[in-house]
Amino acid sequence: MVAYRRLLVATFSIRKAGLKQLFLRLFFVPLYFLFLWIFYHDIKNHQHTFITRSGLILNTLAAVNFLGIVNTILIFPAYRTRYYQESQEGLYGGILFLITYNLVSIPFSFCSVVGASAILYPLIGSIEEPINFLYFALILWACYIFTEQQTMAILMIVKDYLGGAVLSIYISCVCLTLSSGILRSIKGLQDWLYYLTYATQTRYAAALLNRQIFLVKDLYDPLPFDGEHNCTNMNLIETSNFNGLSNAYCRYSNGQSFLTERYARDSTDVVFNGILDFELNIGITFAFALGMIVFNMFLYLIPIPAFIKAKFREE
């Protein structure tokens, strides 16, 4: 309890270090999401905005991943160094340190990500549907926790926080590129790359967000490409049902057809009962976050080589 109170006091301190921590823990993510809102607030229900919506998903996932890394890099190293110094004196062990840090960090991250989600969610759904908003916020929170814990694991053995940040960002970039289905469609992945995506949290988080964004009621019916090219009248020549991929404008009849093209690897695939299954994706996304927390506890439980402890005590 002493360590927990000390961590809370450091966070709520009116000194420069305390104000910095409070800003990073509570306001950094919402401010960045407000910046994203400026670019995406004028999305209309047109086919050409499908790519824009995909970009919104990518930028949202990238934001919670990278901001989780940045916050950890800026906050965690000072407590890590103190832990190595005080554990040498026998004051507490690694498990107690990690539990104490998480008891402070996780509630703050929840409030921060929920507040940030409230800024962006009206662009993709109705705030009058609180359960869908909650799912949206929880998925982003799980991604934030995962990258935070991933960075903490790296910083356990890497003294240079910039080097730790680069490594953690690189891992997240690979996962986003490979598994999100946005920069490269799941349909177009080679088999060995496709099976690798099963081992990434991004696959499940992105699939759930894609389903949540592209299967809203406003995207159920055939949509015009833009204000000039109408694809909604089945009597017109410019209709995706008649021209298929040969029509430059009316490629997707609705949000479901867009997702099918991105995710269906075979014409017989039922993607909404497979890779886009709602319950499966939200469960596995949180399993990754919880698994990373448990993995970190295991790392802090095993004996640390003396040369690693020594380099942190020399700071």
C-alpha atoms as a PDB file:
ATOM      1  CA  MET A   1       0.000   0.000   0.000  1.00  0.00           C
ATOM      2  CA  VAL A   2       2.902   2.366   0.684  1.00  0.00           C
ATOM      3  CA  ALA A   3       4.177   1.953  -2.871  1.00  0.00           C
ATOM      4  CA  TYR A   4       0.661   2.496  -4.247  1.00  0.00           C
ATOM      5  CA  ARG A   5       0.135   5.699  -2.255  1.00  0.00           C
ATOM      6  CA  ARG A   6       3.552   6.961  -3.289  1.00  0.00           C
ATOM      7  CA  LEU A   7       2.717   6.364  -6.948  1.00  0.00           C
ATOM      8  CA  LEU A   8      -0.607   8.198  -6.597  1.00  0.00           C
ATOM      9  CA  VAL A   9       1.069  11.129  -4.851  1.00  0.00           C
ATOM     10  CA  ALA A  10       3.640  11.359  -7.646  1.00  0.00           C
ATOM     11  CA  THR A  11       0.859  11.367 -10.257  1.00  0.00           C
ATOM     12  CA  PHE A  12      -1.272  14.035  -8.567  1.00  0.00           C
ATOM     13  CA  SER A  13       1.644  16.218  -7.512  1.00  0.00           C
ATOM     14  CA  ILE A  14       1.367  19.887  -8.514  1.00  0.00           C
ATOM     15  CA  ARG A  15       5.040  19.880  -9.413  1.00  0.00           C
ATOM     16  CA  LYS A  16       6.165  19.761 -13.025  1.00  0.00           C
ATOM     17  CA  ALA A  17       6.730  15.982 -13.029  1.00  0.00           C
ATOM     18  CA  GLY A  18       3.309  15.310 -11.507  1.00  0.00           C
ATOM     19  CA  LEU A  19       1.463  17.601 -13.908  1.00  0.00           C
ATOM     20  CA  LYS A  20       3.294  15.979 -16.811  1.00  0.00           C
ATOM     21  CA  GLN A  21       2.217  12.513 -15.674  1.00  0.00           C
ATOM     22  CA  LEU A  22      -1.378  13.598 -15.156  1.00  0.00           C
ATOM     23  CA  PHE A  23      -1.509  15.160 -18.628  1.00  0.00           C
ATOM     24  CA  LEU A  24      -0.041  12.079 -20.287  1.00  0.00           C
ATOM     25  CA  ARG A  25      -2.271   9.650 -18.410  1.00  0.00           C
ATOM     26  CA  LEU A  26      -5.564  11.522 -18.809  1.00  0.00           C
ATOM     27  CA  PHE A  27      -5.497  14.101 -21.598  1.00  0.00           C
ATOM     28  CA  PHE A  28      -2.894  13.083 -24.195  1.00  0.00           C
ATOM     29  CA  VAL A  29      -5.022  10.448 -25.947  1.00  0.00           C
ATOM     30  CA  PRO A  30      -8.250  12.541 -26.039  1.00  0.00           C
ATOM     31  CA  LEU A  31      -6.350  15.514 -27.470  1.00  0.00           C
ATOM     32  CA  TYR A  32      -4.905  13.362 -30.235  1.00  0.00           C
ATOM     33  CA  PHE A  33      -8.341  11.938 -31.029  1.00  0.00           C
ATOM     34  CA  LEU A  34      -9.676  15.489 -31.224  1.00  0.00           C
ATOM     35  CA  PHE A  35      -6.954  16.139 -33.811  1.00  0.00           C
ATOM     36  CA  LEU A  36      -8.159  13.094 -35.780  1.00  0.00           C
ATOM     37  CA  TRP A  37     -11.749  14.315 -35.528  1.00  0.00           C
ATOM     38  CA  ILE A  38     -10.783  17.527 -37.329  1.00  0.00           C
ATOM     39  CA  PHE A  39      -9.791  15.504 -40.404  1.00  0.00           C
ATOM     40  CA  TYR A  40     -12.651  12.988 -40.372  1.00  0.00           C
ATOM     41  CA  HIS A  41     -15.664  14.927 -39.062  1.00  0.00           C
ATOM     42  CA  ASP A  42     -17.170  15.511 -42.529  1.00  0.00           C
ATOM     43  CA  ILE A  43     -17.528  11.855 -43.610  1.00  0.00           C
ATOM     44  CA  LYS A  44     -20.614  11.372 -45.781  1.00  0.00           C
ATOM     45  CA  ASN A  45     -22.505   8.206 -46.718  1.00  0.00           C
ATOM     46  CA  HIS A  46     -20.885   7.752 -50.127  1.00  0.00           C
ATOM     47  CA  GLN A  47     -18.963   4.831 -51.584  1.00  0.00           C
ATOM     48  CA  HIS A  48     -15.790   6.852 -52.005  1.00  0.00           C
ATOM     49  CA  THR A  49     -15.677   7.361 -48.229  1.00  0.00           C
ATOM     50  CA  PHE A  50     -15.193   3.628 -47.634  1.00  0.00           C
ATOM     51  CA  ILE A  51     -11.446   4.126 -47.992  1.00  0.00           C
ATOM     52  CA  THR A  52     -11.673   7.129 -45.685  1.00  0.00           C
ATOM     53  CA  ARG A  53     -13.445   4.985 -43.096  1.00  0.00           C
ATOM     54  CA  SER A  54     -10.714   2.365 -43.426  1.00  0.00           C
ATOM     55  CA  GLY A  55      -8.177   5.124 -42.852  1.00  0.00           C
ATOM     56  CA  LEU A  56     -10.069   6.166 -39.739  1.00  0.00           C
ATOM     57  CA  ILE A  57      -9.826   2.621 -38.376  1.00  0.00           C
ATOM     58  CA  LEU A  58      -6.108   2.450 -39.171  1.00  0.00           C
ATOM     59  CA  ASN A  59      -5.351   5.830 -37.612  1.00  0.00           C
ATOM     60  CA  THR A  60      -7.416   5.012 -34.537  1.00  0.00           C
ATOM     61  CA  LEU A  61      -5.614   1.717 -33.976  1.00  0.00           C
ATOM     62  CA  ALA A  62      -2.243   3.328 -34.681  1.00  0.00           C
ATOM     63  CA  ALA A  63      -3.064   6.108 -32.218  1.00  0.00           C
ATOM     64  CA  VAL A  64      -3.874   3.856 -29.256  1.00  0.00           C
ATOM     65  CA  ASN A  65      -0.875   1.656 -30.047  1.00  0.00           C
ATOM     66  CA  PHE A  66       1.682   4.427 -30.458  1.00  0.00           C
ATOM     67  CA  LEU A  67       0.333   6.660 -27.690  1.00  0.00           C
ATOM     68  CA  GLY A  68       0.397   3.695 -25.325  1.00  0.00           C
ATOM     69  CA  ILE A  69       4.068   3.279 -26.196  1.00  0.00           C
ATOM     70  CA  VAL A  70       4.855   7.000 -25.877  1.00  0.00           C
ATOM     71  CA  ASN A  71       3.154   7.313 -22.493  1.00  0.00           C
ATOM     72  CA  THR A  72       4.963   4.253 -21.167  1.00  0.00           C
ATOM     73  CA  ILE A  73       8.324   5.493 -22.438  1.00  0.00           C
ATOM     74  CA  LEU A  74       7.828   8.878 -20.768  1.00  0.00           C
ATOM     75  CA  ILE A  75       6.426   7.630 -17.444  1.00  0.00           C
ATOM     76  CA  PHE A  76       7.635   4.100 -16.711  1.00  0.00           C
ATOM     77  CA  PRO A  77      11.492   4.363 -16.806  1.00  0.00           C
ATOM     78  CA  ALA A  78      11.710   6.432 -13.600  1.00  0.00           C
ATOM     79  CA  TYR A  79       9.683   3.848 -11.664  1.00  0.00           C
ATOM     80  CA  ARG A  80      11.612   1.002 -13.269  1.00  0.00           C
ATOM     81  CA  THR A  81      14.915   2.459 -12.049  1.00  0.00           C
ATOM     82  CA  ARG A  82      13.531   2.979  -8.545  1.00  0.00           C
ATOM     83  CA  TYR A  83      12.286  -0.622  -8.550  1.00  0.00           C
ATOM     84  CA  TYR A  84      15.736  -2.024  -9.371  1.00  0.00           C
ATOM     85  CA  GLN A  85      17.299   0.110  -6.645  1.00  0.00           C
ATOM     86  CA  GLU A  86      14.751  -0.699  -3.936  1.00  0.00           C
ATOM     87  CA  SER A  87      14.434  -4.390  -4.804  1.00  0.00           C
ATOM     88  CA  GLN A  88      18.161  -4.664  -4.135  1.00  0.00           C
ATOM     89  CA  GLU A  89      17.414  -3.393  -0.632  1.00  0.00           C
ATOM     90  CA  GLY A  90      14.686  -6.022  -0.230  1.00  0.00           C
ATOM     91  CA  LEU A  91      11.814  -3.537   0.068  1.00  0.00           C
ATOM     92  CA  TYR A  92       9.537  -5.321  -2.423  1.00  0.00           C
ATOM     93  CA  GLY A  93       9.625  -7.721  -5.356  1.00  0.00           C
ATOM     94  CA  GLY A  94       8.798  -7.506  -9.020  1.00  0.00           C
ATOM     95  CA  ILE A  95       5.219  -8.796  -8.756  1.00  0.00           C
ATOM     96  CA  LEU A  96       4.264  -6.196  -6.137  1.00  0.00           C
ATOM     97  CA  PHE A  97       5.881  -3.453  -8.206  1.00  0.00           C
ATOM     98  CA  LEU A  98       4.013  -4.457 -11.352  1.00  0.00           C
ATOM     99  CA  ILE A  99       0.657  -4.851  -9.584  1.00  0.00           C
ATOM    100  CA  THR A 100       1.063  -1.448  -7.943  1.00  0.00           C
ATOM    101  CA  TYR A 101       1.968   0.251 -11.210  1.00  0.00           C
ATOM    102  CA  ASN A 102      -0.940  -1.376 -13.053  1.00  0.00           C
ATOM    103  CA  LEU A 103      -3.420  -0.433 -10.310  1.00  0.00           C
ATOM    104  CA  VAL A 104      -2.577   3.194 -11.030  1.00  0.00           C
ATOM    105  CA  SER A 105      -2.018   3.035 -14.780  1.00  0.00           C
ATOM    106  CA  ILE A 106      -4.965   0.900 -15.930  1.00  0.00           C
ATOM    107  CA  PRO A 107      -7.793   3.022 -14.411  1.00  0.00           C
ATOM    108  CA  PHE A 108      -6.228   6.165 -15.859  1.00  0.00           C
ATOM    109  CA  SER A 109      -5.909   4.561 -19.290  1.00  0.00           C
ATOM    110  CA  PHE A 110      -9.543   3.436 -19.163  1.00  0.00           C
ATOM    111  CA  CYS A 111     -10.795   6.960 -18.445  1.00  0.00           C
ATOM    112  CA  SER A 112      -8.499   8.427 -21.083  1.00  0.00           C
ATOM    113  CA  VAL A 113      -9.451   5.997 -23.862  1.00  0.00           C
ATOM    114  CA  VAL A 114     -13.185   6.168 -23.090  1.00  0.00           C
ATOM    115  CA  GLY A 115     -13.025   9.959 -23.251  1.00  0.00           C
ATOM    116  CA  ALA A 116     -11.108   9.792 -26.531  1.00  0.00           C
ATOM    117  CA  SER A 117     -13.587   7.275 -27.958  1.00  0.00           C
ATOM    118  CA  ALA A 118     -16.472   9.627 -27.155  1.00  0.00           C
ATOM    119  CA  ILE A 119     -14.877  12.174 -29.494  1.00  0.00           C
ATOM    120  CA  LEU A 120     -14.633   9.856 -32.508  1.00  0.00           C
ATOM    121  CA  TYR A 121     -17.567   7.493 -32.046  1.00  0.00           C
ATOM    122  CA  PRO A 122     -20.282   9.920 -33.287  1.00  0.00           C
ATOM    123  CA  LEU A 123     -18.549   9.774 -36.691  1.00  0.00           C
ATOM    124  CA  ILE A 124     -19.299   6.061 -37.050  1.00  0.00           C
ATOM    125  CA  GLY A 125     -22.360   5.395 -34.922  1.00  0.00           C
ATOM    126  CA  SER A 126     -25.048   6.866 -32.730  1.00  0.00           C
ATOM    127  CA  ILE A 127     -24.144   7.780 -29.175  1.00  0.00           C
ATOM    128  CA  GLU A 128     -27.727   6.724 -28.353  1.00  0.00           C
ATOM    129  CA  GLU A 129     -26.508   3.112 -28.677  1.00  0.00           C
ATOM    130  CA  PRO A 130     -24.323   2.957 -25.546  1.00  0.00           C
ATOM    131  CA  ILE A 131     -23.499  -0.749 -25.840  1.00  0.00           C
ATOM    132  CA  ASN A 132     -21.900  -0.271 -29.276  1.00  0.00           C
ATOM    133  CA  PHE A 133     -19.972   2.729 -27.994  1.00  0.00           C
ATOM    134  CA  LEU A 134     -18.791   0.649 -25.044  1.00  0.00           C
ATOM    135  CA  TYR A 135     -17.530  -2.092 -27.375  1.00  0.00           C
ATOM    136  CA  PHE A 136     -15.697   0.506 -29.464  1.00  0.00           C
ATOM    137  CA  ALA A 137     -14.022   2.011 -26.397  1.00  0.00           C
ATOM    138  CA  LEU A 138     -13.155  -1.358 -24.847  1.00  0.00           C
ATOM    139  CA  ILE A 139     -11.443  -2.594 -28.006  1.00  0.00           C
ATOM    140  CA  LEU A 140      -9.276   0.524 -28.157  1.00  0.00           C
ATOM    141  CA  TRP A 141      -8.532   0.228 -24.439  1.00  0.00           C
ATOM    142  CA  ALA A 142      -7.429  -3.398 -24.832  1.00  0.00           C
ATOM    143  CA  CYS A 143      -5.048  -2.354 -27.630  1.00  0.00           C
ATOM    144  CA  TYR A 144      -3.665   0.449 -25.454  1.00  0.00           C
ATOM    145  CA  ILE A 145      -3.063  -1.933 -22.540  1.00  0.00           C
ATOM    146  CA  PHE A 146      -1.355  -4.465 -24.792  1.00  0.00           C
ATOM    147  CA  THR A 147       1.184  -2.011 -26.218  1.00  0.00           C
ATOM    148  CA  GLU A 148       1.737  -0.472 -22.792  1.00  0.00           C
ATOM    149  CA  GLN A 149       2.557  -3.880 -21.316  1.00  0.00           C
ATOM    150  CA  GLN A 150       4.623  -4.813 -24.376  1.00  0.00           C
ATOM    151  CA  THR A 151       6.748  -1.692 -23.881  1.00  0.00           C
ATOM    152  CA  MET A 152       7.111  -2.353 -20.157  1.00  0.00           C
ATOM    153  CA  ALA A 153       8.420  -5.840 -20.947  1.00  0.00           C
ATOM    154  CA  ILE A 154      10.996  -4.390 -23.340  1.00  0.00           C
ATOM    155  CA  LEU A 155      12.069  -1.724 -20.832  1.00  0.00           C
ATOM    156  CA  MET A 156      12.717  -4.432 -18.270  1.00  0.00           C
ATOM    157  CA  ILE A 157      15.964  -5.271 -20.047  1.00  0.00           C
ATOM    158  CA  VAL A 158      16.573  -2.269 -22.339  1.00  0.00           C
ATOM    159  CA  LYS A 159      18.015   0.697 -20.468  1.00  0.00           C
ATOM    160  CA  ASP A 160      17.780   3.204 -23.326  1.00  0.00           C
ATOM    161  CA  TYR A 161      14.134   4.241 -23.441  1.00  0.00           C
ATOM    162  CA  LEU A 162      14.458   5.546 -26.994  1.00  0.00           C
ATOM    163  CA  GLY A 163      15.782   2.179 -28.142  1.00  0.00           C
ATOM    164  CA  GLY A 164      12.920   0.497 -26.310  1.00  0.00           C
ATOM    165  CA  ALA A 165      10.440   2.817 -28.006  1.00  0.00           C
ATOM    166  CA  VAL A 166      11.838   2.095 -31.466  1.00  0.00           C
ATOM    167  CA  LEU A 167      11.626  -1.663 -30.897  1.00  0.00           C
ATOM    168  CA  SER A 168       8.076  -1.501 -29.545  1.00  0.00           C
ATOM    169  CA  ILE A 169       6.913   0.796 -32.364  1.00  0.00           C
ATOM    170  CA  TYR A 170       8.500  -1.507 -34.938  1.00  0.00           C
ATOM    171  CA  ILE A 171       6.609  -4.513 -33.552  1.00  0.00           C
ATOM    172  CA  SER A 172       3.338  -2.565 -33.594  1.00  0.00           C
ATOM    173  CA  CYS A 173       3.940  -1.339 -37.160  1.00  0.00           C
ATOM    174  CA  VAL A 174       4.495  -4.891 -38.389  1.00  0.00           C
ATOM    175  CA  CYS A 175       1.280  -6.044 -36.706  1.00  0.00           C
ATOM    176  CA  LEU A 176      -0.747  -3.134 -38.094  1.00  0.00           C
ATOM    177  CA  THR A 177       0.592  -3.640 -41.603  1.00  0.00           C
ATOM    178  CA  LEU A 178       0.191  -7.400 -41.623  1.00  0.00           C
ATOM    179  CA  SER A 179      -3.005  -7.996 -39.688  1.00  0.00           C
ATOM    180  CA  SER A 180      -5.298  -4.981 -39.862  1.00  0.00           C
ATOM    181  CA  GLY A 181      -6.718  -5.850 -43.301  1.00  0.00           C
ATOM    182  CA  ILE A 182      -6.425  -2.165 -44.223  1.00  0.00           C
ATOM    183  CA  LEU A 183      -2.988  -1.528 -45.687  1.00  0.00           C
ATOM    184  CA  ARG A 184      -3.150  -4.993 -47.209  1.00  0.00           C
ATOM    185  CA  SER A 185      -6.372  -6.953 -47.450  1.00  0.00           C
ATOM    186  CA  ILE A 186      -6.669 -10.266 -45.643  1.00  0.00           C
ATOM    187  CA  LYS A 187      -7.880 -11.704 -48.937  1.00  0.00           C
ATOM    188  CA  GLY A 188      -4.574 -10.888 -50.639  1.00  0.00           C
ATOM    189  CA  LEU A 189      -2.224 -12.341 -48.009  1.00  0.00           C
ATOM    190  CA  GLN A 190      -0.156 -15.396 -48.797  1.00  0.00           C
ATOM    191  CA  ASP A 191      -1.139 -18.421 -46.732  1.00  0.00           C
ATOM    192  CA  TRP A 192       1.868 -18.281 -44.397  1.00  0.00           C
ATOM    193  CA  LEU A 193       1.303 -14.570 -43.719  1.00  0.00           C
ATOM    194  CA  TYR A 194      -2.405 -15.184 -43.203  1.00  0.00           C
ATOM    195  CA  TYR A 195      -1.723 -17.794 -40.528  1.00  0.00           C
ATOM    196  CA  LEU A 196       0.772 -15.474 -38.833  1.00  0.00           C
ATOM    197  CA  THR A 197      -2.015 -12.956 -38.300  1.00  0.00           C
ATOM    198  CA  TYR A 198      -3.650 -15.352 -35.834  1.00  0.00           C
ATOM    199  CA  ALA A 199      -0.830 -14.513 -33.405  1.00  0.00           C
ATOM    200  CA  THR A 200      -1.506 -10.754 -33.411  1.00  0.00           C
ATOM    201  CA  GLN A 201      -4.027  -8.736 -31.443  1.00  0.00           C
ATOM    202  CA  THR A 202      -4.451  -6.325 -34.364  1.00  0.00           C
ATOM    203  CA  ARG A 203      -6.193  -8.959 -36.488  1.00  0.00           C
ATOM    204  CA  TYR A 204      -9.085  -9.280 -34.052  1.00  0.00           C
ATOM    205  CA  ALA A 205      -9.324  -5.619 -33.033  1.00  0.00           C
ATOM    206  CA  ALA A 206      -9.326  -4.380 -36.635  1.00  0.00           C
ATOM    207  CA  ALA A 207     -11.868  -7.004 -37.702  1.00  0.00           C
ATOM    208  CA  LEU A 208     -14.253  -5.953 -34.950  1.00  0.00           C
ATOM    209  CA  LEU A 209     -13.863  -2.248 -35.744  1.00  0.00           C
ATOM    210  CA  ASN A 210     -14.369  -2.929 -39.457  1.00  0.00           C
ATOM    211  CA  ARG A 211     -17.565  -4.806 -38.707  1.00  0.00           C
ATOM    212  CA  GLN A 212     -18.789  -2.118 -36.342  1.00  0.00           C
ATOM    213  CA  ILE A 213     -18.099   0.743 -38.771  1.00  0.00           C
ATOM    214  CA  PHE A 214     -19.174  -0.799 -42.091  1.00  0.00           C
ATOM    215  CA  LEU A 215     -22.304  -2.607 -40.906  1.00  0.00           C
ATOM    216  CA  VAL A 216     -24.136   0.419 -39.533  1.00  0.00           C
ATOM    217  CA  LYS A 217     -27.682   0.990 -40.802  1.00  0.00           C
ATOM    218  CA  ASP A 218     -26.660   3.952 -42.961  1.00  0.00           C
ATOM    219  CA  LEU A 219     -24.423   1.672 -45.055  1.00  0.00           C
ATOM    220  CA  TYR A 220     -26.913  -1.178 -45.534  1.00  0.00           C
ATOM    221  CA  ASP A 221     -28.482   0.099 -48.759  1.00  0.00           C
ATOM    222  CA  PRO A 222     -26.744   0.779 -52.110  1.00  0.00           C
ATOM    223  CA  LEU A 223     -24.906   4.100 -51.886  1.00  0.00           C
ATOM    224  CA  PRO A 224     -23.950   6.735 -54.463  1.00  0.00           C
ATOM    225  CA  PHE A 225     -20.252   7.017 -55.234  1.00  0.00           C
ATOM    226  CA  ASP A 226     -20.403  10.756 -54.520  1.00  0.00           C
ATOM    227  CA  GLY A 227     -22.662  13.711 -55.170  1.00  0.00           C
ATOM    228  CA  GLU A 228     -22.388  13.299 -58.956  1.00  0.00           C
ATOM    229  CA  HIS A 229     -22.367   9.532 -59.572  1.00  0.00           C
ATOM    230  CA  ASN A 230     -25.506   7.748 -58.448  1.00  0.00           C
ATOM    231  CA  CYS A 231     -25.314   3.994 -57.862  1.00  0.00           C
ATOM    232  CA  THR A 232     -28.503   3.627 -55.862  1.00  0.00           C
ATOM    233  CA  ASN A 233     -31.024   3.303 -58.718  1.00  0.00           C
ATOM    234  CA  MET A 234     -31.048  -0.257 -60.040  1.00  0.00           C
ATOM    235  CA  ASN A 235     -32.400   1.014 -63.380  1.00  0.00           C
ATOM    236  CA  LEU A 236     -29.276   3.047 -64.066  1.00  0.00           C
ATOM    237  CA  ILE A 237     -26.282   1.759 -65.967  1.00  0.00           C
ATOM    238  CA  GLU A 238     -23.969   2.858 -63.165  1.00  0.00           C
ATOM    239  CA  THR A 239     -24.866   0.041 -60.800  1.00  0.00           C
ATOM    240  CA  SER A 240     -22.442  -2.291 -59.125  1.00  0.00           C
ATOM    241  CA  ASN A 241     -24.835  -5.226 -59.463  1.00  0.00           C
ATOM    242  CA  PHE A 242     -24.828  -4.926 -63.269  1.00  0.00           C
ATOM    243  CA  ASN A 243     -21.266  -3.834 -63.962  1.00  0.00           C
ATOM    244  CA  GLY A 244     -19.317  -5.376 -61.098  1.00  0.00           C
ATOM    245  CA  LEU A 245     -15.672  -4.363 -61.085  1.00  0.00           C
ATOM    246  CA  SER A 246     -15.902  -2.926 -64.596  1.00  0.00           C
ATOM    247  CA  ASN A 247     -17.583   0.203 -63.271  1.00  0.00           C
ATOM    248  CA  ALA A 248     -15.058   2.686 -61.938  1.00  0.00           C
ATOM    249  CA  TYR A 249     -17.539   4.287 -59.574  1.00  0.00           C
ATOM    250  CA  CYS A 250     -20.070   1.713 -58.383  1.00  0.00           C
ATOM    251  CA  ARG A 251     -17.743  -0.960 -57.064  1.00  0.00           C
ATOM    252  CA  TYR A 252     -19.374  -1.610 -53.689  1.00  0.00           C
ATOM    253  CA  SER A 253     -23.120  -1.821 -53.267  1.00  0.00           C
ATOM    254  CA  ASN A 254     -22.869  -1.326 -49.486  1.00  0.00           C
ATOM    255  CA  GLY A 255     -20.586  -1.707 -46.495  1.00  0.00           C
ATOM    256  CA  GLN A 256     -21.018  -5.474 -46.381  1.00  0.00           C
ATOM    257  CA  SER A 257     -19.741  -5.915 -49.945  1.00  0.00           C
ATOM    258  CA  PHE A 258     -16.682  -3.814 -49.075  1.00  0.00           C
ATOM    259  CA  LEU A 259     -15.867  -6.041 -46.092  1.00  0.00           C
ATOM    260  CA  THR A 260     -16.424  -9.189 -48.133  1.00  0.00           C
ATOM    261  CA  GLU A 261     -13.885  -8.025 -50.700  1.00  0.00           C
ATOM    262  CA  ARG A 262     -11.326  -7.203 -48.004  1.00  0.00           C
ATOM    263  CA  TYR A 263     -11.736 -10.356 -45.910  1.00  0.00           C
ATOM    264  CA  ALA A 264     -13.169 -13.233 -47.994  1.00  0.00           C
ATOM    265  CA  ARG A 265     -10.285 -15.443 -49.173  1.00  0.00           C
ATOM    266  CA  ASP A 266     -12.639 -17.821 -50.981  1.00  0.00           C
ATOM    267  CA  SER A 267     -16.009 -17.387 -52.666  1.00  0.00           C
ATOM    268  CA  THR A 268     -17.514 -19.811 -50.143  1.00  0.00           C
ATOM    269  CA  ASP A 269     -16.199 -17.944 -47.096  1.00  0.00           C
ATOM    270  CA  VAL A 270     -18.842 -16.742 -44.658  1.00  0.00           C
ATOM    271  CA  VAL A 271     -16.707 -13.982 -43.184  1.00  0.00           C
ATOM    272  CA  PHE A 272     -19.313 -12.762 -40.705  1.00  0.00           C
ATOM    273  CA  ASN A 273     -19.319 -16.138 -38.949  1.00  0.00           C
ATOM    274  CA  GLY A 274     -15.544 -16.495 -39.195  1.00  0.00           C
ATOM    275  CA  ILE A 275     -12.916 -13.782 -39.180  1.00  0.00           C
ATOM    276  CA  LEU A 276     -15.517 -11.047 -38.560  1.00  0.00           C
ATOM    277  CA  ASP A 277     -17.342 -12.895 -35.771  1.00  0.00           C
ATOM    278  CA  PHE A 278     -18.160 -10.290 -33.116  1.00  0.00           C
ATOM    279  CA  GLU A 279     -17.922 -12.277 -29.866  1.00  0.00           C
ATOM    280  CA  LEU A 280     -14.769 -14.111 -30.952  1.00  0.00           C
ATOM    281  CA  ASN A 281     -12.928 -10.918 -31.826  1.00  0.00           C
ATOM    282  CA  ILE A 282     -13.734  -9.005 -28.671  1.00  0.00           C
ATOM    283  CA  GLY A 283     -12.863 -12.014 -26.507  1.00  0.00           C
ATOM    284  CA  ILE A 284      -9.495 -12.664 -28.151  1.00  0.00           C
ATOM    285  CA  THR A 285      -8.595  -8.959 -28.183  1.00  0.00           C
ATOM    286  CA  PHE A 286      -8.950  -8.845 -24.407  1.00  0.00           C
ATOM    287  CA  ALA A 287      -7.232 -12.217 -24.053  1.00  0.00           C
ATOM    288  CA  PHE A 288      -4.138 -10.690 -25.668  1.00  0.00           C
ATOM    289  CA  ALA A 289      -4.195  -7.749 -23.250  1.00  0.00           C
ATOM    290  CA  LEU A 290      -4.661  -9.972 -20.195  1.00  0.00           C
ATOM    291  CA  GLY A 291      -2.069 -12.425 -21.483  1.00  0.00           C
ATOM    292  CA  MET A 292       0.492  -9.643 -21.823  1.00  0.00           C
ATOM    293  CA  ILE A 293      -0.125  -8.550 -18.234  1.00  0.00           C
ATOM    294  CA  VAL A 294       0.395 -12.131 -17.013  1.00  0.00           C
ATOM    295  CA  PHE A 295       3.500 -12.484 -19.192  1.00  0.00           C
ATOM    296  CA  ASN A 296       4.972  -9.342 -17.623  1.00  0.00           C
ATOM    297  CA  MET A 297       4.333 -10.700 -14.137  1.00  0.00           C
ATOM    298  CA  PHE A 298       6.166 -13.862 -15.124  1.00  0.00           C
ATOM    299  CA  LEU A 299       9.100 -11.794 -16.383  1.00  0.00           C
ATOM    300  CA  TYR A 300       9.297  -9.858 -13.128  1.00  0.00           C
ATOM    301  CA  LEU A 301       9.001 -13.078 -11.132  1.00  0.00           C
ATOM    302  CA  ILE A 302      12.039 -14.815 -12.601  1.00  0.00           C
ATOM    303  CA  PRO A 303      15.489 -13.877 -11.265  1.00  0.00           C
ATOM    304  CA  ILE A 304      17.051 -10.987 -13.166  1.00  0.00           C
ATOM    305  CA  PRO A 305      20.749 -11.350 -14.081  1.00  0.00           C
ATOM    306  CA  ALA A 306      22.959  -9.154 -11.927  1.00  0.00           C
ATOM    307  CA  PHE A 307      24.464  -7.285 -14.885  1.00  0.00           C
ATOM    308  CA  ILE A 308      20.978  -6.097 -15.941  1.00  0.00           C
ATOM    309  CA  LYS A 309      20.172  -4.835 -12.453  1.00  0.00           C
ATOM    310  CA  ALA A 310      23.552  -3.145 -12.230  1.00  0.00           C
ATOM    311  CA  LYS A 311      23.141  -1.022 -15.343  1.00  0.00           C
ATOM    312  CA  PHE A 312      19.872   0.422 -14.020  1.00  0.00           C
ATOM    313  CA  ARG A 313      21.310   1.184 -10.581  1.00  0.00           C
ATOM    314  CA  GLU A 314      24.076   3.157 -12.268  1.00  0.00           C
ATOM    315  CA  GLU A 315      21.604   5.786 -13.579  1.00  0.00           C
END
